[in-house]
Amino acid sequence: MAALRVVLALMFAGSIVIQVVVLLLLTLDVGAADPDVAMILIPMVILTVLAILAGQVAVVCVWGLLTMVRRGTVFSTSAFRLVHVVIGAFTAASLLTFGLGIALAPGEAVAPGVVLLIGGVAVMLSAVALIVLVLKALLKQAVARDVEARTLRTELDEVI
């Protein structure tokens, strides 16, 4: 658990650095670029920063789920809120990445292979959202079993 927390903290800190650096460098390049490239830089900056923000939201929610695991409260209905936000964050990141590919596709400014790679990343992000959706179904079953076990314990205590 501690290793995962370290990785999450590094991911969050690194994503902030990337957001700031990408935003600054690409914004500075807009003035120096030719008009065709300048048209795609602004949507590229916006979509990239928003996609990274979606990843940061997912990291914060996973941290919250780790805290719930440590406290022993992960098998409760309050965990679903965090899981829903993670699914939404990965879905948003996927859509934003796909939008970035669409913004970069027309013209000669970006190679078609790069656009294809961005599309592949969008598909992988949507796959992560779907995997978390399956894990949500497993969490739902675990919560139901936990409630059932508590009910049976209560009935058993009454009998004894």
C-alpha atoms as a PDB file:
ATOM      1  CA  MET A   1       0.000   0.000   0.000  1.00  0.00           C
ATOM      2  CA  ALA A   2       2.802   2.399   0.808  1.00  0.00           C
ATOM      3  CA  ALA A   3       4.432   1.718  -2.551  1.00  0.00           C
ATOM      4  CA  LEU A   4       1.182   2.508  -4.348  1.00  0.00           C
ATOM      5  CA  ARG A   5       0.818   5.737  -2.393  1.00  0.00           C
ATOM      6  CA  VAL A   6       4.362   6.737  -3.417  1.00  0.00           C
ATOM      7  CA  VAL A   7       3.593   5.964  -7.058  1.00  0.00           C
ATOM      8  CA  LEU A   8       0.337   7.930  -6.902  1.00  0.00           C
ATOM      9  CA  ALA A   9       2.083  10.906  -5.308  1.00  0.00           C
ATOM     10  CA  LEU A  10       4.805  10.822  -7.963  1.00  0.00           C
ATOM     11  CA  MET A  11       2.194  10.575 -10.715  1.00  0.00           C
ATOM     12  CA  PHE A  12       0.292  13.532  -9.327  1.00  0.00           C
ATOM     13  CA  ALA A  13       3.406  15.680  -8.881  1.00  0.00           C
ATOM     14  CA  GLY A  14       4.716  14.718 -12.313  1.00  0.00           C
ATOM     15  CA  SER A  15       1.415  15.520 -13.964  1.00  0.00           C
ATOM     16  CA  ILE A  16       1.421  18.987 -12.420  1.00  0.00           C
ATOM     17  CA  VAL A  17       4.941  19.586 -13.749  1.00  0.00           C
ATOM     18  CA  ILE A  18       3.901  18.337 -17.192  1.00  0.00           C
ATOM     19  CA  GLN A  19       0.821  20.574 -17.195  1.00  0.00           C
ATOM     20  CA  VAL A  20       2.844  23.649 -16.308  1.00  0.00           C
ATOM     21  CA  VAL A  21       5.723  22.879 -18.677  1.00  0.00           C
ATOM     22  CA  VAL A  22       3.475  21.911 -21.595  1.00  0.00           C
ATOM     23  CA  LEU A  23       1.280  24.911 -21.068  1.00  0.00           C
ATOM     24  CA  LEU A  24       4.215  27.310 -20.870  1.00  0.00           C
ATOM     25  CA  LEU A  25       6.274  25.873 -23.714  1.00  0.00           C
ATOM     26  CA  LEU A  26       3.405  25.428 -26.133  1.00  0.00           C
ATOM     27  CA  THR A  27       1.996  28.844 -25.330  1.00  0.00           C
ATOM     28  CA  LEU A  28       5.391  30.391 -26.042  1.00  0.00           C
ATOM     29  CA  ASP A  29       5.661  28.436 -29.289  1.00  0.00           C
ATOM     30  CA  VAL A  30       2.318  29.749 -30.577  1.00  0.00           C
ATOM     31  CA  GLY A  31       3.828  33.147 -31.331  1.00  0.00           C
ATOM     32  CA  ALA A  32       6.864  31.717 -33.117  1.00  0.00           C
ATOM     33  CA  ALA A  33       5.045  29.041 -35.116  1.00  0.00           C
ATOM     34  CA  ASP A  34       3.719  29.397 -38.631  1.00  0.00           C
ATOM     35  CA  PRO A  35      -0.032  30.043 -38.899  1.00  0.00           C
ATOM     36  CA  ASP A  36      -0.950  26.405 -39.722  1.00  0.00           C
ATOM     37  CA  VAL A  37       0.784  25.083 -36.627  1.00  0.00           C
ATOM     38  CA  ALA A  38      -0.460  27.948 -34.440  1.00  0.00           C
ATOM     39  CA  MET A  39      -4.068  26.944 -35.197  1.00  0.00           C
ATOM     40  CA  ILE A  40      -3.588  23.487 -33.687  1.00  0.00           C
ATOM     41  CA  LEU A  41      -1.424  24.505 -30.730  1.00  0.00           C
ATOM     42  CA  ILE A  42      -4.215  26.180 -28.765  1.00  0.00           C
ATOM     43  CA  PRO A  43      -6.637  23.210 -28.947  1.00  0.00           C
ATOM     44  CA  MET A  44      -3.705  20.897 -28.278  1.00  0.00           C
ATOM     45  CA  VAL A  45      -2.763  22.766 -25.093  1.00  0.00           C
ATOM     46  CA  ILE A  46      -6.347  22.914 -23.853  1.00  0.00           C
ATOM     47  CA  LEU A  47      -7.125  19.262 -24.558  1.00  0.00           C
ATOM     48  CA  THR A  48      -3.814  18.057 -23.123  1.00  0.00           C
ATOM     49  CA  VAL A  49      -4.184  20.019 -19.896  1.00  0.00           C
ATOM     50  CA  LEU A  50      -7.780  18.838 -19.459  1.00  0.00           C
ATOM     51  CA  ALA A  51      -6.828  15.192 -20.106  1.00  0.00           C
ATOM     52  CA  ILE A  52      -4.053  15.424 -17.515  1.00  0.00           C
ATOM     53  CA  LEU A  53      -6.533  17.012 -15.095  1.00  0.00           C
ATOM     54  CA  ALA A  54      -8.840  14.020 -15.578  1.00  0.00           C
ATOM     55  CA  GLY A  55      -5.910  11.762 -14.691  1.00  0.00           C
ATOM     56  CA  GLN A  56      -5.240  13.810 -11.569  1.00  0.00           C
ATOM     57  CA  VAL A  57      -8.868  13.403 -10.501  1.00  0.00           C
ATOM     58  CA  ALA A  58      -8.536   9.629 -10.926  1.00  0.00           C
ATOM     59  CA  VAL A  59      -5.343   9.592  -8.842  1.00  0.00           C
ATOM     60  CA  VAL A  60      -7.051  11.494  -6.011  1.00  0.00           C
ATOM     61  CA  CYS A  61      -9.996   9.076  -6.054  1.00  0.00           C
ATOM     62  CA  VAL A  62      -7.712   6.022  -5.998  1.00  0.00           C
ATOM     63  CA  TRP A  63      -5.930   7.590  -3.013  1.00  0.00           C
ATOM     64  CA  GLY A  64      -9.319   7.923  -1.325  1.00  0.00           C
ATOM     65  CA  LEU A  65     -10.104   4.278  -2.043  1.00  0.00           C
ATOM     66  CA  LEU A  66      -6.745   3.270  -0.566  1.00  0.00           C
ATOM     67  CA  THR A  67      -7.623   5.218   2.564  1.00  0.00           C
ATOM     68  CA  MET A  68     -10.931   3.368   2.748  1.00  0.00           C
ATOM     69  CA  VAL A  69      -9.093   0.040   2.398  1.00  0.00           C
ATOM     70  CA  ARG A  70      -6.755   0.981   5.258  1.00  0.00           C
ATOM     71  CA  ARG A  71      -9.725   1.906   7.462  1.00  0.00           C
ATOM     72  CA  GLY A  72     -11.655  -1.225   6.457  1.00  0.00           C
ATOM     73  CA  THR A  73     -14.561   0.762   5.017  1.00  0.00           C
ATOM     74  CA  VAL A  74     -14.081   0.049   1.315  1.00  0.00           C
ATOM     75  CA  PHE A  75     -16.990  -2.407   1.282  1.00  0.00           C
ATOM     76  CA  SER A  76     -19.543   0.341   1.770  1.00  0.00           C
ATOM     77  CA  THR A  77     -21.776   2.342  -0.501  1.00  0.00           C
ATOM     78  CA  SER A  78     -19.583   5.434  -0.066  1.00  0.00           C
ATOM     79  CA  ALA A  79     -16.876   3.737  -2.155  1.00  0.00           C
ATOM     80  CA  PHE A  80     -19.161   3.817  -5.190  1.00  0.00           C
ATOM     81  CA  ARG A  81     -18.951   7.597  -5.411  1.00  0.00           C
ATOM     82  CA  LEU A  82     -15.174   7.412  -5.806  1.00  0.00           C
ATOM     83  CA  VAL A  83     -15.425   4.543  -8.294  1.00  0.00           C
ATOM     84  CA  HIS A  84     -17.949   6.493 -10.382  1.00  0.00           C
ATOM     85  CA  VAL A  85     -15.612   9.487 -10.454  1.00  0.00           C
ATOM     86  CA  VAL A  86     -12.715   7.257 -11.575  1.00  0.00           C
ATOM     87  CA  ILE A  87     -14.848   5.842 -14.399  1.00  0.00           C
ATOM     88  CA  GLY A  88     -15.905   9.354 -15.400  1.00  0.00           C
ATOM     89  CA  ALA A  89     -12.322  10.631 -15.279  1.00  0.00           C
ATOM     90  CA  PHE A  90     -11.017   7.874 -17.540  1.00  0.00           C
ATOM     91  CA  THR A  91     -13.957   8.325 -19.907  1.00  0.00           C
ATOM     92  CA  ALA A  92     -13.311  12.068 -20.063  1.00  0.00           C
ATOM     93  CA  ALA A  93      -9.578  11.491 -20.599  1.00  0.00           C
ATOM     94  CA  SER A  94     -10.381   9.095 -23.416  1.00  0.00           C
ATOM     95  CA  LEU A  95     -12.740  11.548 -25.101  1.00  0.00           C
ATOM     96  CA  LEU A  96     -10.290  14.429 -24.683  1.00  0.00           C
ATOM     97  CA  THR A  97      -7.463  12.327 -26.119  1.00  0.00           C
ATOM     98  CA  PHE A  98      -9.660  11.342 -29.057  1.00  0.00           C
ATOM     99  CA  GLY A  99     -10.516  15.032 -29.518  1.00  0.00           C
ATOM    100  CA  LEU A 100      -6.814  15.835 -29.525  1.00  0.00           C
ATOM    101  CA  GLY A 101      -6.312  13.313 -32.317  1.00  0.00           C
ATOM    102  CA  ILE A 102      -9.142  14.905 -34.279  1.00  0.00           C
ATOM    103  CA  ALA A 103      -7.669  18.368 -33.759  1.00  0.00           C
ATOM    104  CA  LEU A 104      -4.260  17.196 -34.977  1.00  0.00           C
ATOM    105  CA  ALA A 105      -5.476  15.087 -37.927  1.00  0.00           C
ATOM    106  CA  PRO A 106      -6.129  17.690 -40.628  1.00  0.00           C
ATOM    107  CA  GLY A 107      -3.207  19.274 -42.421  1.00  0.00           C
ATOM    108  CA  GLU A 108       0.466  18.427 -42.606  1.00  0.00           C
ATOM    109  CA  ALA A 109       1.565  19.737 -39.199  1.00  0.00           C
ATOM    110  CA  VAL A 110       1.445  16.305 -37.511  1.00  0.00           C
ATOM    111  CA  ALA A 111       2.381  12.951 -39.023  1.00  0.00           C
ATOM    112  CA  PRO A 112      -0.501  10.499 -39.499  1.00  0.00           C
ATOM    113  CA  GLY A 113       1.314   7.936 -37.334  1.00  0.00           C
ATOM    114  CA  VAL A 114       1.240  10.314 -34.378  1.00  0.00           C
ATOM    115  CA  VAL A 115      -2.502  10.804 -34.815  1.00  0.00           C
ATOM    116  CA  LEU A 116      -2.908   7.023 -34.947  1.00  0.00           C
ATOM    117  CA  LEU A 117      -0.894   6.639 -31.723  1.00  0.00           C
ATOM    118  CA  ILE A 118      -3.078   9.247 -30.015  1.00  0.00           C
ATOM    119  CA  GLY A 119      -6.150   7.296 -31.150  1.00  0.00           C
ATOM    120  CA  GLY A 120      -4.626   4.151 -29.643  1.00  0.00           C
ATOM    121  CA  VAL A 121      -4.095   5.920 -26.340  1.00  0.00           C
ATOM    122  CA  ALA A 122      -7.748   7.031 -26.418  1.00  0.00           C
ATOM    123  CA  VAL A 123      -8.839   3.414 -26.925  1.00  0.00           C
ATOM    124  CA  MET A 124      -6.594   2.244 -24.056  1.00  0.00           C
ATOM    125  CA  LEU A 125      -8.044   4.904 -21.734  1.00  0.00           C
ATOM    126  CA  SER A 126     -11.570   3.796 -22.591  1.00  0.00           C
ATOM    127  CA  ALA A 127     -10.521   0.192 -21.894  1.00  0.00           C
ATOM    128  CA  VAL A 128      -9.348   1.251 -18.414  1.00  0.00           C
ATOM    129  CA  ALA A 129     -12.747   2.894 -17.821  1.00  0.00           C
ATOM    130  CA  LEU A 130     -14.458  -0.352 -18.830  1.00  0.00           C
ATOM    131  CA  ILE A 131     -12.182  -2.417 -16.556  1.00  0.00           C
ATOM    132  CA  VAL A 132     -13.024  -0.147 -13.623  1.00  0.00           C
ATOM    133  CA  LEU A 133     -16.706  -0.593 -14.528  1.00  0.00           C
ATOM    134  CA  VAL A 134     -16.271  -4.375 -14.176  1.00  0.00           C
ATOM    135  CA  LEU A 135     -14.454  -3.862 -10.870  1.00  0.00           C
ATOM    136  CA  LYS A 136     -17.394  -1.723  -9.727  1.00  0.00           C
ATOM    137  CA  ALA A 137     -19.685  -4.699 -10.345  1.00  0.00           C
ATOM    138  CA  LEU A 138     -17.368  -6.836  -8.201  1.00  0.00           C
ATOM    139  CA  LEU A 139     -17.424  -4.190  -5.460  1.00  0.00           C
ATOM    140  CA  LYS A 140     -21.212  -4.172  -5.615  1.00  0.00           C
ATOM    141  CA  GLN A 141     -21.278  -7.949  -5.073  1.00  0.00           C
ATOM    142  CA  ALA A 142     -18.789  -7.674  -2.209  1.00  0.00           C
ATOM    143  CA  VAL A 143     -20.867  -4.969  -0.516  1.00  0.00           C
ATOM    144  CA  ALA A 144     -23.981  -7.136  -0.858  1.00  0.00           C
ATOM    145  CA  ARG A 145     -22.153 -10.112   0.691  1.00  0.00           C
ATOM    146  CA  ASP A 146     -20.876  -7.930   3.532  1.00  0.00           C
ATOM    147  CA  VAL A 147     -24.408  -6.703   4.301  1.00  0.00           C
ATOM    148  CA  GLU A 148     -25.685 -10.274   4.152  1.00  0.00           C
ATOM    149  CA  ALA A 149     -22.937 -11.466   6.509  1.00  0.00           C
ATOM    150  CA  ARG A 150     -23.743  -8.699   8.999  1.00  0.00           C
ATOM    151  CA  THR A 151     -27.431  -9.636   8.901  1.00  0.00           C
ATOM    152  CA  LEU A 152     -26.641 -13.297   9.499  1.00  0.00           C
ATOM    153  CA  ARG A 153     -24.325 -12.404  12.404  1.00  0.00           C
ATOM    154  CA  THR A 154     -27.071 -10.307  13.973  1.00  0.00           C
ATOM    155  CA  GLU A 155     -29.572 -13.158  13.624  1.00  0.00           C
ATOM    156  CA  LEU A 156     -27.055 -15.623  15.062  1.00  0.00           C
ATOM    157  CA  ASP A 157     -26.391 -13.313  18.030  1.00  0.00           C
ATOM    158  CA  GLU A 158     -30.124 -13.160  18.698  1.00  0.00           C
ATOM    159  CA  VAL A 159     -30.397 -16.957  18.652  1.00  0.00           C
ATOM    160  CA  ILE A 160     -27.456 -17.400  21.016  1.00  0.00           C
END
